[in-house]
């Protein structure tokens, strides 16, 4: 079993952020204080820290496989079917994608699919999947 990672990100409004993580990504909400909320982010610890004066920095990108990938970003690697189920849900919710769902290296051993989208505060998330999970670090 992999030990969970921990990530803490700033948001202007916890109230505006909770529905995205609870209802869109189905993350279970944990502890809630005045200025932070904890989520079980697919078995990992995500903490949203409210800073009303926070301003998202200018979005940087890096060219990867023909796409301008937003940085910074965070997310998850999902099982193949789970990723496709998430994409169906995001499309049904009329999600605006920073980079639309797509597959690269189709038919090859390192076939993978990815999508980039923002939470309600502008934090970029990437969800990936690999046809062969043993290709993750290659």
N, C-alpha and C. Protein backbone atom coordinates (compact mmCIF):
# COMPACT_ATOMS: atom_id res chain seq x y z
N UNK A 1 0.84 -1.19 0.00
CA UNK A 1 0.00 0.00 0.00
C UNK A 1 0.88 1.24 0.00
N UNK A 2 0.54 2.18 -0.85
CA UNK A 2 1.27 3.44 -0.94
C UNK A 2 0.77 4.36 0.16
N UNK A 3 1.70 5.04 0.83
CA UNK A 3 1.31 6.04 1.81
C UNK A 3 0.69 7.23 1.09
N UNK A 4 -0.34 7.82 1.67
CA UNK A 4 -0.99 8.94 1.01
C UNK A 4 -0.10 10.18 0.97
N UNK A 5 -0.23 10.95 -0.10
CA UNK A 5 0.46 12.24 -0.15
C UNK A 5 -0.46 13.29 0.44
N UNK A 6 0.12 14.45 0.71
CA UNK A 6 -0.63 15.58 1.26
C UNK A 6 -0.36 16.78 0.39
N UNK A 7 -1.41 17.46 0.00
CA UNK A 7 -1.26 18.71 -0.74
C UNK A 7 -2.22 19.73 -0.14
N UNK A 8 -1.74 20.95 0.02
CA UNK A 8 -2.54 22.06 0.52
C UNK A 8 -2.53 23.15 -0.53
N UNK A 9 -3.72 23.64 -0.87
CA UNK A 9 -3.82 24.67 -1.90
C UNK A 9 -4.66 25.84 -1.39
N UNK A 10 -4.37 27.04 -1.88
CA UNK A 10 -5.16 28.20 -1.47
C UNK A 10 -6.43 28.34 -2.29
N UNK A 11 -7.47 28.82 -1.64
CA UNK A 11 -8.72 29.18 -2.31
C UNK A 11 -9.22 30.49 -1.70
N UNK A 12 -9.94 31.25 -2.48
CA UNK A 12 -10.55 32.48 -1.96
C UNK A 12 -11.75 32.17 -1.09
N UNK A 13 -12.49 31.12 -1.45
CA UNK A 13 -13.73 30.80 -0.75
C UNK A 13 -13.86 29.30 -0.56
N UNK A 14 -13.85 28.88 0.68
CA UNK A 14 -14.10 27.46 0.97
C UNK A 14 -15.51 27.10 0.53
N UNK A 15 -16.47 27.98 0.81
CA UNK A 15 -17.87 27.69 0.46
C UNK A 15 -18.06 27.44 -1.03
N UNK A 16 -17.35 28.19 -1.87
CA UNK A 16 -17.44 27.99 -3.31
C UNK A 16 -16.69 26.74 -3.77
N UNK A 17 -15.71 26.31 -3.00
CA UNK A 17 -14.86 25.19 -3.39
C UNK A 17 -15.42 23.83 -2.99
N UNK A 18 -16.12 23.78 -1.88
CA UNK A 18 -16.61 22.49 -1.37
C UNK A 18 -17.47 21.74 -2.39
N UNK A 19 -18.43 22.38 -3.06
CA UNK A 19 -19.27 21.62 -4.00
C UNK A 19 -18.48 20.93 -5.11
N UNK A 20 -17.41 21.56 -5.59
CA UNK A 20 -16.61 20.95 -6.66
C UNK A 20 -16.00 19.65 -6.17
N UNK A 21 -15.33 19.68 -5.04
CA UNK A 21 -14.62 18.49 -4.57
C UNK A 21 -15.59 17.42 -4.07
N UNK A 22 -16.70 17.85 -3.44
CA UNK A 22 -17.69 16.88 -2.94
C UNK A 22 -18.56 16.31 -4.05
N UNK A 23 -19.11 17.17 -4.88
CA UNK A 23 -20.13 16.74 -5.83
C UNK A 23 -19.59 16.37 -7.21
N UNK A 24 -18.57 17.07 -7.66
CA UNK A 24 -18.02 16.76 -8.98
C UNK A 24 -17.03 15.60 -8.88
N UNK A 25 -16.09 15.68 -7.92
CA UNK A 25 -15.07 14.64 -7.81
C UNK A 25 -15.40 13.56 -6.78
N UNK A 26 -16.53 13.72 -6.08
CA UNK A 26 -16.97 12.74 -5.08
C UNK A 26 -15.96 12.51 -3.96
N UNK A 27 -15.26 13.55 -3.55
CA UNK A 27 -14.31 13.45 -2.44
C UNK A 27 -15.07 13.61 -1.13
N UNK A 28 -14.76 12.75 -0.19
CA UNK A 28 -15.41 12.82 1.12
C UNK A 28 -14.79 13.97 1.91
N UNK A 29 -15.66 14.82 2.45
CA UNK A 29 -15.18 15.94 3.25
C UNK A 29 -14.86 15.47 4.65
N UNK A 30 -13.74 15.96 5.17
CA UNK A 30 -13.34 15.67 6.54
C UNK A 30 -13.48 16.91 7.39
N UNK A 31 -12.46 17.15 8.19
CA UNK A 31 -12.47 18.27 9.14
C UNK A 31 -12.72 19.60 8.44
N UNK A 32 -13.46 20.46 9.13
CA UNK A 32 -13.73 21.80 8.62
C UNK A 32 -13.47 22.80 9.74
N UNK A 33 -12.61 23.76 9.48
CA UNK A 33 -12.38 24.87 10.39
C UNK A 33 -12.80 26.14 9.68
N UNK A 34 -12.69 27.28 10.35
CA UNK A 34 -13.09 28.54 9.73
C UNK A 34 -12.35 28.81 8.43
N UNK A 35 -11.06 28.47 8.40
CA UNK A 35 -10.24 28.86 7.25
C UNK A 35 -9.64 27.68 6.49
N UNK A 36 -10.14 26.46 6.74
CA UNK A 36 -9.65 25.32 5.97
C UNK A 36 -10.66 24.19 5.98
N UNK A 37 -10.55 23.34 4.98
CA UNK A 37 -11.37 22.14 4.89
C UNK A 37 -10.49 21.02 4.35
N UNK A 38 -10.71 19.82 4.87
CA UNK A 38 -9.94 18.64 4.51
C UNK A 38 -10.80 17.72 3.65
N UNK A 39 -10.20 17.14 2.63
CA UNK A 39 -10.88 16.17 1.78
C UNK A 39 -10.05 14.90 1.64
N UNK A 40 -10.77 13.79 1.51
CA UNK A 40 -10.15 12.53 1.09
C UNK A 40 -10.13 12.59 -0.43
N UNK A 41 -8.98 12.91 -0.98
CA UNK A 41 -8.80 13.07 -2.42
C UNK A 41 -8.29 11.75 -2.98
N UNK A 42 -9.19 10.82 -3.24
CA UNK A 42 -8.86 9.52 -3.80
C UNK A 42 -7.85 8.78 -2.92
N UNK A 43 -8.05 8.88 -1.60
CA UNK A 43 -7.17 8.22 -0.65
C UNK A 43 -5.99 9.06 -0.19
N UNK A 44 -5.94 10.30 -0.65
CA UNK A 44 -4.85 11.21 -0.30
C UNK A 44 -5.44 12.43 0.43
N UNK A 45 -4.59 13.16 1.10
CA UNK A 45 -5.01 14.28 1.94
C UNK A 45 -4.91 15.60 1.17
N UNK A 46 -6.05 16.20 0.91
CA UNK A 46 -6.13 17.50 0.26
C UNK A 46 -6.70 18.49 1.26
N UNK A 47 -5.99 19.60 1.47
CA UNK A 47 -6.46 20.64 2.37
C UNK A 47 -6.61 21.93 1.57
N UNK A 48 -7.80 22.51 1.64
CA UNK A 48 -8.04 23.80 1.03
C UNK A 48 -7.94 24.86 2.11
N UNK A 49 -7.03 25.80 1.93
CA UNK A 49 -6.83 26.91 2.87
C UNK A 49 -7.46 28.16 2.28
N UNK A 50 -8.40 28.74 3.00
CA UNK A 50 -9.06 29.95 2.53
C UNK A 50 -8.21 31.18 2.81
N UNK A 51 -7.92 31.92 1.76
CA UNK A 51 -7.24 33.22 1.84
C UNK A 51 -8.01 34.15 0.92
N UNK A 52 -8.89 34.94 1.50
CA UNK A 52 -9.79 35.79 0.70
C UNK A 52 -9.03 36.73 -0.24
N UNK A 53 -7.83 37.12 0.14
CA UNK A 53 -7.04 38.03 -0.70
C UNK A 53 -6.19 37.31 -1.73
N UNK A 54 -6.28 35.98 -1.78
CA UNK A 54 -5.45 35.21 -2.71
C UNK A 54 -5.80 35.54 -4.16
N UNK A 55 -4.78 35.71 -4.97
CA UNK A 55 -4.93 35.91 -6.41
C UNK A 55 -4.18 34.79 -7.12
N UNK A 56 -4.88 34.11 -8.01
CA UNK A 56 -4.22 33.06 -8.79
C UNK A 56 -3.06 33.69 -9.56
N UNK A 57 -1.88 33.05 -9.52
CA UNK A 57 -0.78 33.57 -10.32
C UNK A 57 -1.05 33.40 -11.81
N UNK A 58 -0.33 34.15 -12.61
CA UNK A 58 -0.45 34.01 -14.06
C UNK A 58 -0.17 32.55 -14.42
N UNK A 59 -1.04 31.96 -15.22
CA UNK A 59 -0.89 30.56 -15.60
C UNK A 59 0.29 30.39 -16.54
N UNK A 60 1.18 29.52 -16.15
CA UNK A 60 2.30 29.14 -17.00
C UNK A 60 1.94 27.86 -17.72
N UNK A 61 2.58 27.62 -18.86
CA UNK A 61 2.37 26.37 -19.58
C UNK A 61 3.70 25.83 -20.07
N UNK A 62 3.69 24.57 -20.36
CA UNK A 62 4.86 23.90 -20.92
C UNK A 62 4.36 23.03 -22.07
N UNK A 63 5.00 23.08 -23.21
CA UNK A 63 4.57 22.31 -24.38
C UNK A 63 4.92 20.84 -24.18
N UNK A 64 3.88 19.99 -24.13
CA UNK A 64 4.05 18.55 -23.95
C UNK A 64 3.12 17.84 -24.93
N UNK A 65 3.67 17.01 -25.77
CA UNK A 65 2.87 16.24 -26.75
C UNK A 65 1.91 17.13 -27.54
N UNK A 66 2.36 18.33 -27.88
CA UNK A 66 1.56 19.23 -28.70
C UNK A 66 0.54 20.06 -27.93
N UNK A 67 0.49 19.92 -26.61
CA UNK A 67 -0.45 20.70 -25.78
C UNK A 67 0.31 21.63 -24.86
N UNK A 68 -0.28 22.78 -24.60
CA UNK A 68 0.29 23.72 -23.64
C UNK A 68 -0.25 23.34 -22.26
N UNK A 69 0.52 22.53 -21.55
CA UNK A 69 0.11 21.98 -20.26
C UNK A 69 0.22 23.04 -19.18
N UNK A 70 -0.87 23.31 -18.46
CA UNK A 70 -0.84 24.30 -17.39
C UNK A 70 0.04 23.83 -16.23
N UNK A 71 0.86 24.74 -15.72
CA UNK A 71 1.64 24.45 -14.52
C UNK A 71 1.51 25.64 -13.58
N UNK A 72 1.38 25.37 -12.28
CA UNK A 72 1.34 24.05 -11.65
C UNK A 72 -0.02 23.38 -11.85
N UNK A 73 -0.05 22.09 -11.61
CA UNK A 73 -1.28 21.32 -11.58
C UNK A 73 -1.07 20.10 -10.69
N UNK A 74 -2.16 19.48 -10.29
CA UNK A 74 -2.11 18.24 -9.53
C UNK A 74 -3.30 17.40 -9.94
N UNK A 75 -3.30 16.15 -9.54
CA UNK A 75 -4.43 15.30 -9.89
C UNK A 75 -4.18 13.87 -9.52
N UNK A 76 -4.79 12.97 -10.27
CA UNK A 76 -4.73 11.56 -9.96
C UNK A 76 -4.52 10.74 -11.22
N UNK A 77 -3.96 9.56 -11.01
CA UNK A 77 -3.93 8.54 -12.04
C UNK A 77 -5.02 7.55 -11.66
N UNK A 78 -5.99 7.40 -12.53
CA UNK A 78 -7.13 6.52 -12.28
C UNK A 78 -7.03 5.25 -13.11
N UNK A 79 -7.77 4.24 -12.71
CA UNK A 79 -7.92 3.05 -13.53
C UNK A 79 -8.62 3.45 -14.84
N UNK A 80 -8.38 2.70 -15.89
CA UNK A 80 -8.88 3.02 -17.23
C UNK A 80 -10.39 3.30 -17.23
N UNK A 81 -11.18 2.39 -16.69
CA UNK A 81 -12.63 2.56 -16.69
C UNK A 81 -13.06 3.72 -15.79
N UNK A 82 -12.40 3.90 -14.65
CA UNK A 82 -12.73 5.00 -13.75
C UNK A 82 -12.48 6.35 -14.42
N UNK A 83 -11.40 6.44 -15.18
CA UNK A 83 -11.09 7.69 -15.88
C UNK A 83 -12.20 8.00 -16.90
N UNK A 84 -12.60 7.00 -17.66
CA UNK A 84 -13.63 7.22 -18.67
C UNK A 84 -14.97 7.58 -18.02
N UNK A 85 -15.27 6.98 -16.87
CA UNK A 85 -16.49 7.34 -16.14
C UNK A 85 -16.44 8.79 -15.67
N UNK A 86 -15.27 9.24 -15.19
CA UNK A 86 -15.11 10.63 -14.78
C UNK A 86 -15.31 11.57 -15.97
N UNK A 87 -14.74 11.22 -17.11
CA UNK A 87 -14.87 12.06 -18.30
C UNK A 87 -16.35 12.18 -18.69
N UNK A 88 -17.08 11.08 -18.64
CA UNK A 88 -18.51 11.12 -18.95
C UNK A 88 -19.24 12.07 -18.00
N UNK A 89 -18.89 12.01 -16.72
CA UNK A 89 -19.52 12.88 -15.73
C UNK A 89 -19.17 14.35 -16.00
N UNK A 90 -17.88 14.62 -16.25
CA UNK A 90 -17.46 16.00 -16.52
C UNK A 90 -18.15 16.56 -17.76
N UNK A 91 -18.28 15.75 -18.79
CA UNK A 91 -18.97 16.20 -20.00
C UNK A 91 -20.45 16.47 -19.71
N UNK A 92 -21.08 15.60 -18.92
CA UNK A 92 -22.49 15.79 -18.57
C UNK A 92 -22.69 17.08 -17.77
N UNK A 93 -21.66 17.49 -17.03
CA UNK A 93 -21.72 18.73 -16.25
C UNK A 93 -21.29 19.95 -17.05
N UNK A 94 -21.04 19.75 -18.35
CA UNK A 94 -20.60 20.83 -19.24
C UNK A 94 -19.32 21.50 -18.76
N UNK A 95 -18.40 20.68 -18.28
CA UNK A 95 -17.11 21.18 -17.80
C UNK A 95 -16.33 21.82 -18.93
N UNK A 96 -15.72 22.95 -18.65
CA UNK A 96 -14.79 23.57 -19.59
C UNK A 96 -13.43 22.96 -19.34
N UNK A 97 -12.84 22.38 -20.35
CA UNK A 97 -11.55 21.71 -20.21
C UNK A 97 -10.42 22.65 -20.59
N UNK A 98 -9.38 22.68 -19.76
CA UNK A 98 -8.15 23.41 -20.12
C UNK A 98 -7.47 22.66 -21.27
N UNK A 99 -7.46 21.36 -21.19
CA UNK A 99 -7.04 20.48 -22.29
C UNK A 99 -8.06 19.36 -22.33
N UNK A 100 -8.75 19.23 -23.44
CA UNK A 100 -9.82 18.25 -23.58
C UNK A 100 -9.30 16.83 -23.40
N UNK A 101 -10.19 15.92 -22.99
CA UNK A 101 -9.79 14.52 -22.85
C UNK A 101 -9.25 13.99 -24.17
N UNK A 102 -8.12 13.33 -24.10
CA UNK A 102 -7.54 12.76 -25.30
C UNK A 102 -6.62 11.59 -24.94
N UNK A 103 -6.36 10.78 -25.93
CA UNK A 103 -5.50 9.60 -25.77
C UNK A 103 -4.24 9.82 -26.60
N UNK A 104 -3.12 9.45 -26.02
CA UNK A 104 -1.86 9.50 -26.77
C UNK A 104 -1.25 8.11 -26.81
N UNK A 105 -0.39 7.89 -27.78
CA UNK A 105 0.29 6.60 -27.99
C UNK A 105 -0.72 5.47 -28.18
N UNK A 106 -1.84 5.80 -28.85
CA UNK A 106 -2.93 4.84 -29.03
C UNK A 106 -2.41 3.54 -29.68
N UNK A 107 -2.79 2.42 -29.07
CA UNK A 107 -2.42 1.11 -29.59
C UNK A 107 -1.02 0.65 -29.21
N UNK A 108 -0.27 1.50 -28.52
CA UNK A 108 1.08 1.14 -28.10
C UNK A 108 1.07 0.74 -26.63
N UNK A 109 2.16 0.14 -26.17
CA UNK A 109 2.24 -0.33 -24.79
C UNK A 109 2.07 0.80 -23.79
N UNK A 110 2.46 2.03 -24.17
CA UNK A 110 2.37 3.17 -23.26
C UNK A 110 1.14 4.04 -23.54
N UNK A 111 0.08 3.44 -24.09
CA UNK A 111 -1.16 4.18 -24.34
C UNK A 111 -1.69 4.78 -23.05
N UNK A 112 -2.04 6.05 -23.13
CA UNK A 112 -2.56 6.75 -21.96
C UNK A 112 -3.55 7.81 -22.39
N UNK A 113 -4.39 8.21 -21.45
CA UNK A 113 -5.36 9.27 -21.71
C UNK A 113 -5.24 10.29 -20.59
N UNK A 114 -5.53 11.53 -20.91
CA UNK A 114 -5.40 12.61 -19.94
C UNK A 114 -6.43 13.69 -20.19
N UNK A 115 -6.69 14.47 -19.16
CA UNK A 115 -7.57 15.62 -19.26
C UNK A 115 -7.12 16.65 -18.22
N UNK A 116 -7.27 17.92 -18.54
CA UNK A 116 -6.97 19.02 -17.62
C UNK A 116 -8.21 19.89 -17.50
N UNK A 117 -8.54 20.28 -16.27
CA UNK A 117 -9.65 21.18 -16.01
C UNK A 117 -9.38 21.89 -14.69
N UNK A 118 -10.13 22.96 -14.46
CA UNK A 118 -9.93 23.77 -13.25
C UNK A 118 -11.05 23.55 -12.26
N UNK A 119 -10.69 23.68 -10.97
CA UNK A 119 -11.73 23.71 -9.94
C UNK A 119 -12.38 25.10 -9.98
N UNK A 120 -13.33 25.37 -9.10
CA UNK A 120 -14.07 26.63 -9.12
C UNK A 120 -13.19 27.83 -8.78
N UNK A 121 -11.98 27.58 -8.27
CA UNK A 121 -11.07 28.66 -7.88
C UNK A 121 -9.95 28.87 -8.90
N UNK A 122 -9.91 28.06 -9.94
CA UNK A 122 -8.89 28.20 -10.96
C UNK A 122 -7.67 27.31 -10.77
N UNK A 123 -7.68 26.43 -9.76
CA UNK A 123 -6.59 25.47 -9.60
C UNK A 123 -6.73 24.38 -10.66
N UNK A 124 -5.65 24.10 -11.36
CA UNK A 124 -5.70 23.14 -12.46
C UNK A 124 -5.46 21.73 -11.94
N UNK A 125 -6.32 20.82 -12.41
CA UNK A 125 -6.19 19.40 -12.09
C UNK A 125 -5.98 18.62 -13.37
N UNK A 126 -5.19 17.57 -13.26
CA UNK A 126 -5.01 16.64 -14.37
C UNK A 126 -5.39 15.25 -13.87
N UNK A 127 -6.19 14.57 -14.65
CA UNK A 127 -6.50 13.17 -14.38
C UNK A 127 -6.01 12.36 -15.57
N UNK A 128 -5.23 11.33 -15.25
CA UNK A 128 -4.62 10.49 -16.27
C UNK A 128 -5.05 9.05 -16.07
N UNK A 129 -4.83 8.25 -17.09
CA UNK A 129 -4.99 6.81 -17.00
C UNK A 129 -4.03 6.16 -17.99
N UNK A 130 -3.62 4.98 -17.66
CA UNK A 130 -2.72 4.21 -18.52
C UNK A 130 -3.39 2.89 -18.87
N UNK A 131 -3.34 2.50 -20.13
CA UNK A 131 -3.88 1.22 -20.53
C UNK A 131 -3.13 0.10 -19.81
N UNK A 132 -1.81 0.29 -19.65
CA UNK A 132 -0.97 -0.65 -18.89
C UNK A 132 -0.36 0.13 -17.72
N UNK A 133 -0.86 -0.12 -16.52
CA UNK A 133 -0.45 0.67 -15.37
C UNK A 133 1.04 0.54 -15.05
N UNK A 134 1.70 -0.50 -15.56
CA UNK A 134 3.14 -0.64 -15.32
C UNK A 134 3.95 0.37 -16.13
N UNK A 135 3.30 1.17 -16.94
CA UNK A 135 3.99 2.19 -17.74
C UNK A 135 4.04 3.55 -17.05
N UNK A 136 3.50 3.64 -15.85
CA UNK A 136 3.36 4.92 -15.15
C UNK A 136 4.66 5.69 -15.05
N UNK A 137 5.73 5.06 -14.66
CA UNK A 137 6.99 5.78 -14.43
C UNK A 137 7.99 5.65 -15.57
N UNK A 138 7.54 5.16 -16.70
CA UNK A 138 8.44 4.97 -17.84
C UNK A 138 8.30 6.07 -18.86
